[in-house]
C-alpha atoms as a PDB file:
ATOM      1  CA  MET A   1      98.465 130.020 108.361  1.00  0.00           C
ATOM      2  CA  SER A   2      96.967 126.670 107.500  1.00  0.00           C
ATOM      3  CA  VAL A   3     100.409 125.395 106.501  1.00  0.00           C
ATOM      4  CA  SER A   4     101.938 126.289 109.847  1.00  0.00           C
ATOM      5  CA  THR A   5      99.277 124.342 111.735  1.00  0.00           C
ATOM      6  CA  LYS A   6      99.391 121.234 109.553  1.00  0.00           C
ATOM      7  CA  GLU A   7     103.143 120.883 108.975  1.00  0.00           C
ATOM      8  CA  PRO A   8     104.130 120.229 112.623  1.00  0.00           C
ATOM      9  CA  ASN A   9     101.467 117.516 112.860  1.00  0.00           C
ATOM     10  CA  PHE A  10     102.816 115.920 109.689  1.00  0.00           C
ATOM     11  CA  ASN A  11     106.406 116.040 110.919  1.00  0.00           C
ATOM     12  CA  ASP A  12     105.388 114.723 114.327  1.00  0.00           C
ATOM     13  CA  ALA A  13     103.549 111.811 112.703  1.00  0.00           C
ATOM     14  CA  TYR A  14     106.591 111.005 110.572  1.00  0.00           C
ATOM     15  CA  GLU A  15     109.011 110.999 113.506  1.00  0.00           C
ATOM     16  CA  ARG A  16     106.617 109.068 115.734  1.00  0.00           C
ATOM     17  CA  THR A  17     106.047 106.434 113.051  1.00  0.00           C
ATOM     18  CA  ARG A  18     109.757 106.117 112.319  1.00  0.00           C
ATOM     19  CA  LYS A  19     110.610 105.762 116.008  1.00  0.00           C
ATOM     20  CA  SER A  20     107.902 103.169 116.533  1.00  0.00           C
ATOM     21  CA  LEU A  21     109.061 101.244 113.473  1.00  0.00           C
ATOM     22  CA  ILE A  22     112.668 101.101 114.678  1.00  0.00           C
ATOM     23  CA  GLU A  23     111.513  99.967 118.121  1.00  0.00           C
ATOM     24  CA  ARG A  24     109.516  97.159 116.530  1.00  0.00           C
ATOM     25  CA  LEU A  25     112.562  96.150 114.479  1.00  0.00           C
ATOM     26  CA  ASN A  26     114.793  96.334 117.531  1.00  0.00           C
ATOM     27  CA  ASP A  27     115.485  92.602 117.780  1.00  0.00           C
ATOM     28  CA  TRP A  28     116.370  92.214 114.121  1.00  0.00           C
ATOM     29  CA  GLU A  29     119.750  92.458 112.477  1.00  0.00           C
ATOM     30  CA  ASP A  30     120.810  95.378 110.305  1.00  0.00           C
ATOM     31  CA  GLN A  31     118.424  97.865 111.837  1.00  0.00           C
ATOM     32  CA  LYS A  32     120.105 100.739 109.993  1.00  0.00           C
ATOM     33  CA  SER A  33     119.219  99.187 106.642  1.00  0.00           C
ATOM     34  CA  TRP A  34     115.552  99.129 107.594  1.00  0.00           C
ATOM     35  CA  ASP A  35     115.774 102.722 108.758  1.00  0.00           C
ATOM     36  CA  ASP A  36     117.259 103.613 105.354  1.00  0.00           C
ATOM     37  CA  PHE A  37     114.513 101.615 103.650  1.00  0.00           C
ATOM     38  CA  TYR A  38     111.902 103.581 105.576  1.00  0.00           C
ATOM     39  CA  LYS A  39     113.482 106.903 104.639  1.00  0.00           C
ATOM     40  CA  THR A  40     113.568 105.837 100.991  1.00  0.00           C
ATOM     41  CA  TYR A  41     110.042 104.487 100.561  1.00  0.00           C
ATOM     42  CA  TRP A  42     107.810 106.072 103.198  1.00  0.00           C
ATOM     43  CA  ARG A  43     106.824 109.014 100.971  1.00  0.00           C
ATOM     44  CA  LEU A  44     105.866 106.657  98.153  1.00  0.00           C
ATOM     45  CA  ILE A  45     103.645 104.482 100.347  1.00  0.00           C
ATOM     46  CA  TYR A  46     102.249 107.482 102.205  1.00  0.00           C
ATOM     47  CA  GLY A  47     101.395 109.267  98.955  1.00  0.00           C
ATOM     48  CA  VAL A  48      99.534 106.247  97.593  1.00  0.00           C
ATOM     49  CA  ALA A  49      97.683 105.798 100.891  1.00  0.00           C
ATOM     50  CA  VAL A  50      96.524 109.421 101.039  1.00  0.00           C
ATOM     51  CA  LYS A  51      95.492 109.527  97.378  1.00  0.00           C
ATOM     52  CA  SER A  52      93.548 106.300  97.960  1.00  0.00           C
ATOM     53  CA  GLY A  53      91.476 108.110 100.604  1.00  0.00           C
ATOM     54  CA  LEU A  54      93.204 107.499 103.927  1.00  0.00           C
ATOM     55  CA  LYS A  55      93.590 110.249 106.506  1.00  0.00           C
ATOM     56  CA  ASN A  56      97.033 111.399 107.632  1.00  0.00           C
ATOM     57  CA  GLU A  57      97.352 109.139 110.692  1.00  0.00           C
ATOM     58  CA  GLU A  58      95.813 106.182 108.851  1.00  0.00           C
ATOM     59  CA  ALA A  59      98.324 106.650 106.033  1.00  0.00           C
ATOM     60  CA  PHE A  60     101.259 106.646 108.457  1.00  0.00           C
ATOM     61  CA  ASP A  61      99.894 103.469 110.053  1.00  0.00           C
ATOM     62  CA  ALA A  62      99.711 101.902 106.586  1.00  0.00           C
ATOM     63  CA  VAL A  63     103.321 102.932 105.928  1.00  0.00           C
ATOM     64  CA  GLN A  64     104.549 101.358 109.138  1.00  0.00           C
ATOM     65  CA  GLU A  65     102.579  98.142 108.737  1.00  0.00           C
ATOM     66  CA  THR A  66     103.728  97.794 105.119  1.00  0.00           C
ATOM     67  CA  ILE A  67     107.394  98.051 106.044  1.00  0.00           C
ATOM     68  CA  ILE A  68     106.975  95.714 109.022  1.00  0.00           C
ATOM     69  CA  CYS A  69     105.368  93.107 106.726  1.00  0.00           C
ATOM     70  CA  ILE A  70     108.140  93.542 104.159  1.00  0.00           C
ATOM     71  CA  ALA A  71     110.776  93.133 106.860  1.00  0.00           C
ATOM     72  CA  LYS A  72     109.102  89.952 108.114  1.00  0.00           C
ATOM     73  CA  GLN A  73     108.882  88.470 104.627  1.00  0.00           C
ATOM     74  CA  GLN A  74     112.510  89.340 103.959  1.00  0.00           C
ATOM     75  CA  LYS A  75     113.565  87.738 107.231  1.00  0.00           C
ATOM     76  CA  GLU A  76     111.591  84.600 106.403  1.00  0.00           C
ATOM     77  CA  GLY A  77     112.956  84.528 102.848  1.00  0.00           C
ATOM     78  CA  LYS A  78     109.512  84.789 101.261  1.00  0.00           C
ATOM     79  CA  TYR A  79     110.379  87.432  98.669  1.00  0.00           C
ATOM     80  CA  ASP A  80     111.541  85.832  95.429  1.00  0.00           C
ATOM     81  CA  PRO A  81     112.672  88.334  92.744  1.00  0.00           C
ATOM     82  CA  ASN A  82     112.296  85.611  90.119  1.00  0.00           C
ATOM     83  CA  LYS A  83     108.521  85.615  90.675  1.00  0.00           C
ATOM     84  CA  GLY A  84     108.014  89.314  90.091  1.00  0.00           C
ATOM     85  CA  SER A  85     109.549  92.767  90.276  1.00  0.00           C
ATOM     86  CA  PHE A  86     110.298  94.596  93.500  1.00  0.00           C
ATOM     87  CA  LYS A  87     107.973  97.344  92.286  1.00  0.00           C
ATOM     88  CA  ALA A  88     105.002  94.970  91.994  1.00  0.00           C
ATOM     89  CA  TRP A  89     105.814  93.298  95.305  1.00  0.00           C
ATOM     90  CA  LEU A  90     106.018  96.612  97.143  1.00  0.00           C
ATOM     91  CA  MET A  91     102.777  97.753  95.527  1.00  0.00           C
ATOM     92  CA  ASN A  92     100.895  94.648  96.648  1.00  0.00           C
ATOM     93  CA  MET A  93     102.260  94.846 100.178  1.00  0.00           C
ATOM     94  CA  SER A  94     101.204  98.501 100.343  1.00  0.00           C
ATOM     95  CA  ARG A  95      97.779  97.826  98.836  1.00  0.00           C
ATOM     96  CA  TRP A  96      96.955  95.159 101.414  1.00  0.00           C
ATOM     97  CA  ARG A  97      97.974  97.370 104.328  1.00  0.00           C
ATOM     98  CA  ILE A  98      95.990 100.301 102.920  1.00  0.00           C
ATOM     99  CA  ALA A  99      92.982  98.003 102.598  1.00  0.00           C
ATOM    100  CA  ASP A 100      93.486  96.987 106.241  1.00  0.00           C
ATOM    101  CA  GLN A 101      93.179 100.622 107.281  1.00  0.00           C
ATOM    102  CA  PHE A 102      89.917 101.010 105.361  1.00  0.00           C
ATOM    103  CA  ARG A 103      88.541  97.856 106.972  1.00  0.00           C
ATOM    104  CA  LYS A 104      89.605  99.144 110.385  1.00  0.00           C
ATOM    105  CA  ARG A 105      87.855 102.451 109.739  1.00  0.00           C
ATOM    106  CA  LYS A 106      84.718 100.671 108.593  1.00  0.00           C
ATOM    107  CA  LYS A 107      84.733  98.497 111.717  1.00  0.00           C
ATOM    108  CA  ASP A 108      85.275 101.529 113.965  1.00  0.00           C
ATOM    109  CA  ASN A 109      82.435 103.396 112.277  1.00  0.00           C
ATOM    110  CA  ALA A 110      80.118 100.451 112.790  1.00  0.00           C
ATOM    111  CA  ILE A 111      80.410 100.653 116.580  1.00  0.00           C
ATOM    112  CA  VAL A 112      80.002 104.425 116.832  1.00  0.00           C
ATOM    113  CA  ASP A 113      76.629 105.978 117.570  1.00  0.00           C
ATOM    114  CA  CYS A 114      75.953 107.922 114.383  1.00  0.00           C
ATOM    115  CA  HIS A 115      73.027 110.021 115.729  1.00  0.00           C
ATOM    116  CA  GLY A 116      71.201 109.834 112.445  1.00  0.00           C
ATOM    117  CA  MET A 117      74.220 110.269 110.180  1.00  0.00           C
ATOM    118  CA  ASP A 118      73.721 108.881 106.691  1.00  0.00           C
ATOM    119  CA  ASP A 119      75.734 105.643 106.477  1.00  0.00           C
ATOM    120  CA  SER A 120      76.151 106.040 102.707  1.00  0.00           C
ATOM    121  CA  ILE A 121      78.119 109.266 103.210  1.00  0.00           C
ATOM    122  CA  ARG A 122      80.363 107.803 105.891  1.00  0.00           C
ATOM    123  CA  THR A 123      81.282 104.645 103.971  1.00  0.00           C
ATOM    124  CA  ALA A 124      81.410 106.087 100.452  1.00  0.00           C
ATOM    125  CA  VAL A 125      85.205 106.409 100.343  1.00  0.00           C
ATOM    126  CA  ILE A 126      85.718 102.932 101.818  1.00  0.00           C
ATOM    127  CA  ASP A 127      83.354 101.265  99.376  1.00  0.00           C
ATOM    128  CA  ARG A 128      84.884 103.149  96.468  1.00  0.00           C
ATOM    129  CA  PHE A 129      88.350 101.927  97.412  1.00  0.00           C
ATOM    130  CA  GLU A 130      87.138  98.334  97.692  1.00  0.00           C
ATOM    131  CA  ASP A 131      85.410  98.576  94.307  1.00  0.00           C
ATOM    132  CA  GLN A 132      88.444 100.124  92.574  1.00  0.00           C
ATOM    133  CA  ASN A 133      91.160  98.378  94.549  1.00  0.00           C
ATOM    134  CA  GLY A 134      92.644  96.898  91.369  1.00  0.00           C
ATOM    135  CA  PRO A 135      92.987  99.407  88.530  1.00  0.00           C
ATOM    136  CA  GLU A 136      92.589 102.575  90.609  1.00  0.00           C
ATOM    137  CA  ILE A 137      95.345 101.898  93.106  1.00  0.00           C
ATOM    138  CA  GLU A 138      97.605 100.659  90.304  1.00  0.00           C
ATOM    139  CA  ARG A 139      97.135 104.002  88.545  1.00  0.00           C
ATOM    140  CA  ILE A 140      97.900 105.887  91.760  1.00  0.00           C
ATOM    141  CA  TRP A 141     100.895 103.652  92.463  1.00  0.00           C
ATOM    142  CA  GLU A 142     102.373 104.187  88.991  1.00  0.00           C
ATOM    143  CA  ALA A 143     102.155 107.962  89.342  1.00  0.00           C
ATOM    144  CA  GLU A 144     103.664 107.980  92.845  1.00  0.00           C
ATOM    145  CA  TRP A 145     106.358 105.475  91.859  1.00  0.00           C
ATOM    146  CA  ASN A 146     107.475 107.679  88.944  1.00  0.00           C
ATOM    147  CA  LYS A 147     107.405 110.719  91.219  1.00  0.00           C
ATOM    148  CA  SER A 148     109.559 108.885  93.770  1.00  0.00           C
ATOM    149  CA  LEU A 149     112.095 107.821  91.135  1.00  0.00           C
ATOM    150  CA  THR A 150     112.341 111.373  89.822  1.00  0.00           C
ATOM    151  CA  GLU A 151     112.800 112.918  93.275  1.00  0.00           C
ATOM    152  CA  ARG A 152     115.481 110.432  94.273  1.00  0.00           C
ATOM    153  CA  SER A 153     117.279 110.866  90.954  1.00  0.00           C
ATOM    154  CA  LEU A 154     117.089 114.650  91.223  1.00  0.00           C
ATOM    155  CA  ALA A 155     118.788 114.466  94.610  1.00  0.00           C
ATOM    156  CA  LYS A 156     121.713 112.641  92.969  1.00  0.00           C
ATOM    157  CA  VAL A 157     121.803 114.997  89.994  1.00  0.00           C
ATOM    158  CA  LYS A 158     121.975 118.005  92.304  1.00  0.00           C
ATOM    159  CA  GLY A 159     125.376 116.861  93.532  1.00  0.00           C
ATOM    160  CA  LYS A 160     126.728 116.455  89.980  1.00  0.00           C
ATOM    161  CA  VAL A 161     126.045 119.917  88.552  1.00  0.00           C
ATOM    162  CA  SER A 162     126.688 123.493  89.630  1.00  0.00           C
ATOM    163  CA  PRO A 163     124.181 125.099  92.038  1.00  0.00           C
ATOM    164  CA  LYS A 164     123.433 127.777  89.433  1.00  0.00           C
ATOM    165  CA  GLN A 165     122.604 125.293  86.699  1.00  0.00           C
ATOM    166  CA  PHE A 166     120.412 123.273  89.004  1.00  0.00           C
ATOM    167  CA  GLN A 167     118.588 126.431  90.087  1.00  0.00           C
ATOM    168  CA  ILE A 168     117.906 127.295  86.448  1.00  0.00           C
ATOM    169  CA  PHE A 169     116.641 123.764  85.780  1.00  0.00           C
ATOM    170  CA  ASP A 170     114.491 123.809  88.895  1.00  0.00           C
ATOM    171  CA  CYS A 171     112.833 127.108  87.990  1.00  0.00           C
ATOM    172  CA  TYR A 172     112.339 126.378  84.290  1.00  0.00           C
ATOM    173  CA  VAL A 173     111.566 122.645  84.198  1.00  0.00           C
ATOM    174  CA  ILE A 174     110.316 121.680  87.656  1.00  0.00           C
ATOM    175  CA  GLN A 175     108.490 124.848  88.671  1.00  0.00           C
ATOM    176  CA  GLY A 176     107.424 125.628  85.111  1.00  0.00           C
ATOM    177  CA  TRP A 177     108.555 129.238  84.921  1.00  0.00           C
ATOM    178  CA  SER A 178     108.718 130.958  81.537  1.00  0.00           C
ATOM    179  CA  VAL A 179     112.132 131.618  79.967  1.00  0.00           C
ATOM    180  CA  GLU A 180     111.622 135.339  80.476  1.00  0.00           C
ATOM    181  CA  LYS A 181     110.878 134.916  84.163  1.00  0.00           C
ATOM    182  CA  VAL A 182     113.964 132.731  84.664  1.00  0.00           C
ATOM    183  CA  LYS A 183     116.115 135.274  82.821  1.00  0.00           C
ATOM    184  CA  LYS A 184     114.825 138.169  84.889  1.00  0.00           C
ATOM    185  CA  TYR A 185     114.840 136.429  88.264  1.00  0.00           C
ATOM    186  CA  LEU A 186     118.208 134.646  87.952  1.00  0.00           C
ATOM    187  CA  GLY A 187     120.003 137.097  85.665  1.00  0.00           C
ATOM    188  CA  VAL A 188     120.899 134.538  83.001  1.00  0.00           C
ATOM    189  CA  SER A 189     120.642 134.337  79.217  1.00  0.00           C
ATOM    190  CA  VAL A 190     118.215 132.309  77.106  1.00  0.00           C
ATOM    191  CA  ALA A 191     121.138 130.105  76.046  1.00  0.00           C
ATOM    192  CA  GLN A 192     121.959 129.329  79.679  1.00  0.00           C
ATOM    193  CA  VAL A 193     118.350 128.328  80.358  1.00  0.00           C
ATOM    194  CA  TYR A 194     118.199 125.903  77.448  1.00  0.00           C
ATOM    195  CA  LEU A 195     121.686 124.572  78.181  1.00  0.00           C
ATOM    196  CA  ALA A 196     120.719 123.773  81.777  1.00  0.00           C
ATOM    197  CA  LYS A 197     117.512 122.122  80.614  1.00  0.00           C
ATOM    198  CA  HIS A 198     119.322 119.937  78.086  1.00  0.00           C
ATOM    199  CA  ARG A 199     122.330 119.041  80.236  1.00  0.00           C
ATOM    200  CA  ILE A 200     120.537 118.334  83.495  1.00  0.00           C
ATOM    201  CA  GLY A 201     117.627 116.688  81.722  1.00  0.00           C
ATOM    202  CA  SER A 202     120.039 114.250  80.098  1.00  0.00           C
ATOM    203  CA  ILE A 203     121.782 113.448  83.396  1.00  0.00           C
ATOM    204  CA  LEU A 204     118.423 113.048  85.141  1.00  0.00           C
ATOM    205  CA  LYS A 205     117.207 110.583  82.506  1.00  0.00           C
ATOM    206  CA  LYS A 206     120.320 108.448  82.981  1.00  0.00           C
ATOM    207  CA  GLU A 207     119.957 108.512  86.779  1.00  0.00           C
ATOM    208  CA  ILE A 208     116.322 107.394  86.545  1.00  0.00           C
ATOM    209  CA  GLN A 209     117.249 104.553  84.187  1.00  0.00           C
ATOM    210  CA  LYS A 210     120.078 103.487  86.508  1.00  0.00           C
ATOM    211  CA  LEU A 211     117.775 103.507  89.517  1.00  0.00           C
ATOM    212  CA  GLU A 212     115.122 101.504  87.660  1.00  0.00           C
ATOM    213  CA  LYS A 213     117.656  98.809  86.820  1.00  0.00           C
ATOM    214  CA  GLN A 214     118.665  98.560  90.469  1.00  0.00           C
ATOM    215  CA  LEU A 215     115.056  98.083  91.567  1.00  0.00           C
ATOM    216  CA  PHE A 216     113.726  95.619  88.978  1.00  0.00           C
END
């Protein structure tokens, strides 16, 4: 029941943020490319924002502001790939916008009548983020970046193998089912399970490596 109440809010926030972003990019050329960019990277930025301590709406605001800032820098020719990787650039742009959301929350809290609420409780997450803004967010970013690469690569792999093989791989490798459970549920042999793991795993590795080369 909790899923059914939260999911619509999440989807609404995504669509609202995307629509607002496109409206703000309305006067710029190649609007479709920025829409594609948003679809590609919003989950990555959102995941980092949430794991850093932002609430759902704050995280979506951070996503939008990050992409707006990236678009502006691209338009002004400020991004230079010779000075650093796209991965590091995107991480820094995201980190600054996430920090902006924490500062905004701290400022908003400061003007609210707390009625005796302990300030240390209310600002604990904000202070922790500011203290660990370097190594902590880099750790979170690395994990979410790898997750994003894997998900995008899996989407490509899915179109290159049979539905049955991908289903076996999904159950055994991604969902972590036992061989016996995969056999029983999908009606396949042990050999088919290991073959799917080896074949799709090899294709997935190549897709991830290809995607990494495109992004660095």
